[in-house]
Amino acid sequence: MSQAKQVIYQTTNTYSTLNNLTPDTKNVWIACHGIGFLSKYFISYFKKLDPDENYIIAPQAPSKYYQTKAYRYVGASWLTKENRDLEIENVLNYLDALVQKEEIPEDKTIILMGFSQGVSIVTRWIAYRQMNCDRLVIHSGSIPEEFDFSSFNHLPKLKTTIIYGDQDEYITQDKIDSQIRYAKSVFPNPPDVLKFEGGHEMHVKSLVSLSKLNF
């Protein structure tokens, strides 16, 4: 009879950054990509943000794969339904180590952003690890269903923004309405909603607008 066993070992993963973290930096973004991305390419969506005021950190999902049978283009995924709880813990351990290495000063505005599958990562990171941040950006993704009103109450001033495209093939109007209701029930403050003309894609103009807000 086969048995599933576990082994603990040390591993190393990469991540990407954009601009420099200086005393003049206003915002520090930690942005988790969606399925199929690599952080080194995903981070390019933030190039139009003011480089003096914005420092971007793009974590890299650990599970990489070839996207076609041509074995040329590589993508990555954060987790699947297989051993989900274990994989979530592994990913959160990686993010904890990343933040510890970056040594972000306390006077910076922290913006956690997830695109598509990345939404499930950043929201769980905040809730499970009691992470501190000033704004949560939910871009074209779904909030995991395991949260309740107590999940984020360690951040009473948390601001949340939901961004989605009006032609996103994965998001119906009923689904976005449901997500907004759910967000109101779990986050300490009602979310801002930014809708743009487009599909399941990153919307740079919305990111630029958020980067200019005063927190």
Protein backbone atom coordinates (compact mmCIF):
# COMPACT_ATOMS: atom_id res chain seq x y z
CA MET A 1 0.00 0.00 0.00
CA SER A 2 1.39 3.40 -0.98
CA GLN A 3 1.81 6.12 1.65
CA ALA A 4 2.17 9.89 1.36
CA LYS A 5 5.03 11.11 3.53
CA GLN A 6 6.66 14.50 4.10
CA VAL A 7 10.23 15.71 4.30
CA ILE A 8 11.48 19.12 5.42
CA TYR A 9 14.36 20.65 3.49
CA GLN A 10 15.80 24.08 2.70
CA THR A 11 15.08 25.66 -0.66
CA THR A 12 15.94 28.91 -2.46
CA ASN A 13 13.71 31.05 -4.63
CA THR A 14 14.19 34.31 -6.53
CA TYR A 15 12.21 37.56 -6.68
CA SER A 16 12.44 40.78 -8.67
CA THR A 17 12.65 44.44 -7.65
CA LEU A 18 12.24 47.70 -9.53
CA ASN A 19 13.78 51.08 -8.57
CA ASN A 20 15.68 51.69 -5.33
CA LEU A 21 14.50 51.80 -1.73
CA THR A 22 15.70 55.19 -0.48
CA PRO A 23 14.67 57.78 2.14
CA ASP A 24 12.62 59.44 -0.64
CA THR A 25 10.61 56.31 -1.34
CA LYS A 26 6.95 56.84 -0.55
CA ASN A 27 5.34 53.50 -1.46
CA VAL A 28 6.63 49.95 -1.24
CA TRP A 29 4.61 47.59 -3.41
CA ILE A 30 4.67 43.83 -2.93
CA ALA A 31 2.94 42.52 -6.03
CA CYS A 32 2.11 38.84 -6.61
CA HIS A 33 1.62 37.80 -10.22
CA GLY A 34 -0.99 35.47 -11.68
CA ILE A 35 -0.68 32.04 -13.28
CA GLY A 36 1.71 31.92 -16.22
CA PHE A 37 3.84 34.90 -15.25
CA LEU A 38 7.44 35.16 -14.14
CA SER A 39 8.21 37.99 -11.73
CA LYS A 40 10.98 39.41 -13.92
CA TYR A 41 8.42 40.12 -16.66
CA PHE A 42 5.45 40.91 -14.42
CA ILE A 43 7.32 43.74 -12.73
CA SER A 44 7.53 45.65 -16.02
CA TYR A 45 3.88 46.72 -15.54
CA PHE A 46 5.10 49.07 -12.80
CA LYS A 47 7.66 50.98 -14.89
CA LYS A 48 5.35 53.97 -15.37
CA LEU A 49 5.12 54.63 -11.63
CA ASP A 50 7.32 57.43 -10.32
CA PRO A 51 10.65 55.64 -9.71
CA ASP A 52 11.66 58.03 -6.93
CA GLU A 53 8.50 57.40 -4.90
CA ASN A 54 7.76 53.75 -5.65
CA TYR A 55 9.82 50.66 -4.87
CA ILE A 56 8.39 47.46 -6.32
CA ILE A 57 8.94 43.93 -5.07
CA ALA A 58 7.59 41.10 -7.23
CA PRO A 59 7.77 37.68 -5.53
CA GLN A 60 8.23 34.65 -7.74
CA ALA A 61 5.74 31.76 -7.61
CA PRO A 62 7.76 28.60 -6.95
CA SER A 63 6.12 26.10 -9.33
CA LYS A 64 7.47 26.66 -12.84
CA TYR A 65 6.40 24.86 -15.99
CA TYR A 66 6.62 25.05 -19.79
CA GLN A 67 3.50 26.72 -21.16
CA THR A 68 3.40 24.89 -24.50
CA LYS A 69 4.69 21.65 -25.98
CA ALA A 70 7.36 23.68 -27.73
CA TYR A 71 9.11 23.86 -24.33
CA ARG A 72 10.15 27.45 -24.91
CA TYR A 73 8.08 29.72 -22.70
CA VAL A 74 8.11 29.25 -18.93
CA GLY A 75 5.31 30.25 -16.59
CA ALA A 76 4.70 29.75 -12.89
CA SER A 77 1.89 28.99 -10.45
CA TRP A 78 1.57 29.70 -6.74
CA LEU A 79 -0.38 26.57 -5.81
CA THR A 80 -3.02 24.08 -6.89
CA LYS A 81 -5.65 22.04 -5.08
CA GLU A 82 -3.05 19.29 -4.54
CA ASN A 83 -1.73 19.50 -0.95
CA ARG A 84 -3.11 23.03 -0.86
CA ASP A 85 -2.62 23.70 2.85
CA LEU A 86 1.00 22.55 2.71
CA GLU A 87 1.70 24.63 -0.38
CA ILE A 88 0.11 27.71 1.19
CA GLU A 89 2.39 27.33 4.20
CA ASN A 90 5.44 26.95 1.95
CA VAL A 91 4.53 30.09 -0.01
CA LEU A 92 3.91 32.12 3.15
CA ASN A 93 7.25 31.00 4.57
CA TYR A 94 8.90 32.26 1.38
CA LEU A 95 7.13 35.63 1.60
CA ASP A 96 8.08 35.97 5.26
CA ALA A 97 11.73 35.39 4.37
CA LEU A 98 11.51 37.87 1.49
CA VAL A 99 10.21 40.68 3.70
CA GLN A 100 12.77 39.92 6.36
CA LYS A 101 15.55 40.25 3.79
CA GLU A 102 14.22 43.51 2.34
CA GLU A 103 14.11 45.28 5.76
CA ILE A 104 11.40 47.76 4.75
CA PRO A 105 11.46 50.90 6.94
CA GLU A 106 8.37 51.51 9.05
CA ASP A 107 7.76 54.98 7.60
CA LYS A 108 6.89 53.63 4.13
CA THR A 109 3.38 53.08 2.81
CA ILE A 110 2.97 49.35 2.19
CA ILE A 111 0.78 48.30 -0.73
CA LEU A 112 0.10 44.59 -1.20
CA MET A 113 -1.25 43.71 -4.62
CA GLY A 114 -2.37 40.45 -6.15
CA PHE A 115 -3.27 39.90 -9.78
CA SER A 116 -5.54 36.93 -10.61
CA GLN A 117 -4.22 33.94 -8.61
CA GLY A 118 -1.94 36.32 -6.72
CA VAL A 119 -5.02 37.70 -4.91
CA SER A 120 -5.36 34.44 -2.97
CA ILE A 121 -1.73 34.70 -1.92
CA VAL A 122 -1.62 38.27 -0.64
CA THR A 123 -4.95 38.04 1.19
CA ARG A 124 -3.93 34.84 2.96
CA TRP A 125 -0.56 36.35 3.81
CA ILE A 126 -2.23 39.33 5.47
CA ALA A 127 -4.78 37.20 7.33
CA TYR A 128 -2.68 34.20 8.36
CA ARG A 129 0.50 36.09 9.22
CA GLN A 130 -1.17 39.27 10.54
CA MET A 131 0.84 41.22 8.00
CA ASN A 132 0.85 44.99 8.18
CA CYS A 133 -0.09 47.00 5.11
CA ASP A 134 -1.83 50.26 4.28
CA ARG A 135 -3.63 49.28 1.09
CA LEU A 136 -4.65 45.94 -0.41
CA VAL A 137 -5.14 45.86 -4.18
CA ILE A 138 -7.29 43.03 -5.57
CA HIS A 139 -6.71 43.00 -9.33
CA SER A 140 -8.82 40.66 -11.49
CA GLY A 141 -8.89 37.88 -8.91
CA SER A 142 -11.11 36.24 -6.30
CA ILE A 143 -10.86 36.60 -2.54
CA PRO A 144 -10.60 33.15 -0.88
CA GLU A 145 -13.82 32.09 0.79
CA GLU A 146 -12.37 31.11 4.17
CA PHE A 147 -12.27 34.63 5.64
CA ASP A 148 -14.69 36.33 8.03
CA PHE A 149 -14.97 39.69 9.79
CA SER A 150 -12.14 38.79 12.19
CA SER A 151 -9.56 37.88 9.52
CA PHE A 152 -8.36 41.43 8.91
CA ASN A 153 -9.38 43.22 12.09
CA HIS A 154 -5.73 43.74 13.03
CA LEU A 155 -5.73 46.44 10.33
CA PRO A 156 -8.64 48.77 11.21
CA LYS A 157 -7.41 51.45 8.79
CA LEU A 158 -6.81 49.08 5.86
CA LYS A 159 -7.86 50.51 2.51
CA THR A 160 -8.88 48.05 -0.20
CA THR A 161 -9.16 48.57 -3.94
CA ILE A 162 -10.78 46.14 -6.38
CA ILE A 163 -9.68 46.49 -10.03
CA TYR A 164 -11.28 44.57 -12.89
CA GLY A 165 -11.85 44.75 -16.63
CA ASP A 166 -15.36 45.02 -18.01
CA GLN A 167 -14.54 42.36 -20.63
CA ASP A 168 -12.74 39.93 -18.33
CA GLU A 169 -13.72 36.44 -19.48
CA TYR A 170 -13.35 35.10 -15.94
CA ILE A 171 -15.49 37.71 -14.18
CA THR A 172 -19.23 38.13 -14.69
CA GLN A 173 -21.14 41.07 -13.27
CA ASP A 174 -22.81 38.74 -10.78
CA LYS A 175 -19.40 37.55 -9.63
CA ILE A 176 -18.01 41.06 -9.17
CA ASP A 177 -21.15 42.09 -7.26
CA SER A 178 -20.72 39.04 -5.03
CA GLN A 179 -17.03 39.83 -4.49
CA ILE A 180 -17.82 43.40 -3.49
CA ARG A 181 -20.40 42.21 -0.97
CA TYR A 182 -17.95 39.68 0.40
CA ALA A 183 -15.20 42.31 0.61
CA LYS A 184 -17.50 44.56 2.62
CA SER A 185 -18.13 41.71 5.06
CA VAL A 186 -14.48 40.75 5.70
CA PHE A 187 -12.45 43.95 5.32
CA PRO A 188 -12.63 46.71 7.93
CA ASN A 189 -13.57 49.39 5.37
CA PRO A 190 -15.66 49.26 2.17
CA PRO A 191 -13.51 48.73 -0.95
CA ASP A 192 -12.93 51.24 -3.71
CA VAL A 193 -13.82 49.76 -7.11
CA LEU A 194 -11.98 50.64 -10.32
CA LYS A 195 -13.45 49.27 -13.55
CA PHE A 196 -11.57 49.63 -16.82
CA GLU A 197 -12.23 48.80 -20.44
CA GLY A 198 -10.43 45.54 -21.09
CA GLY A 199 -10.10 41.88 -20.30
CA HIS A 200 -8.11 39.72 -17.90
CA GLU A 201 -5.03 41.91 -17.94
CA MET A 202 -2.99 44.26 -15.80
CA HIS A 203 -4.23 47.85 -15.94
CA VAL A 204 -1.28 50.21 -15.62
CA LYS A 205 -3.33 53.41 -15.44
CA SER A 206 -5.07 52.18 -12.28
CA LEU A 207 -1.70 51.37 -10.69
CA VAL A 208 -0.39 54.83 -11.52
CA SER A 209 -3.50 56.43 -10.01
CA LEU A 210 -3.16 54.43 -6.79
CA SER A 211 0.51 55.34 -6.49
CA LYS A 212 -0.41 59.04 -6.36
CA LEU A 213 -2.90 58.76 -3.51
CA ASN A 214 -2.11 60.16 -0.10
CA PHE A 215 -2.40 57.53 2.59
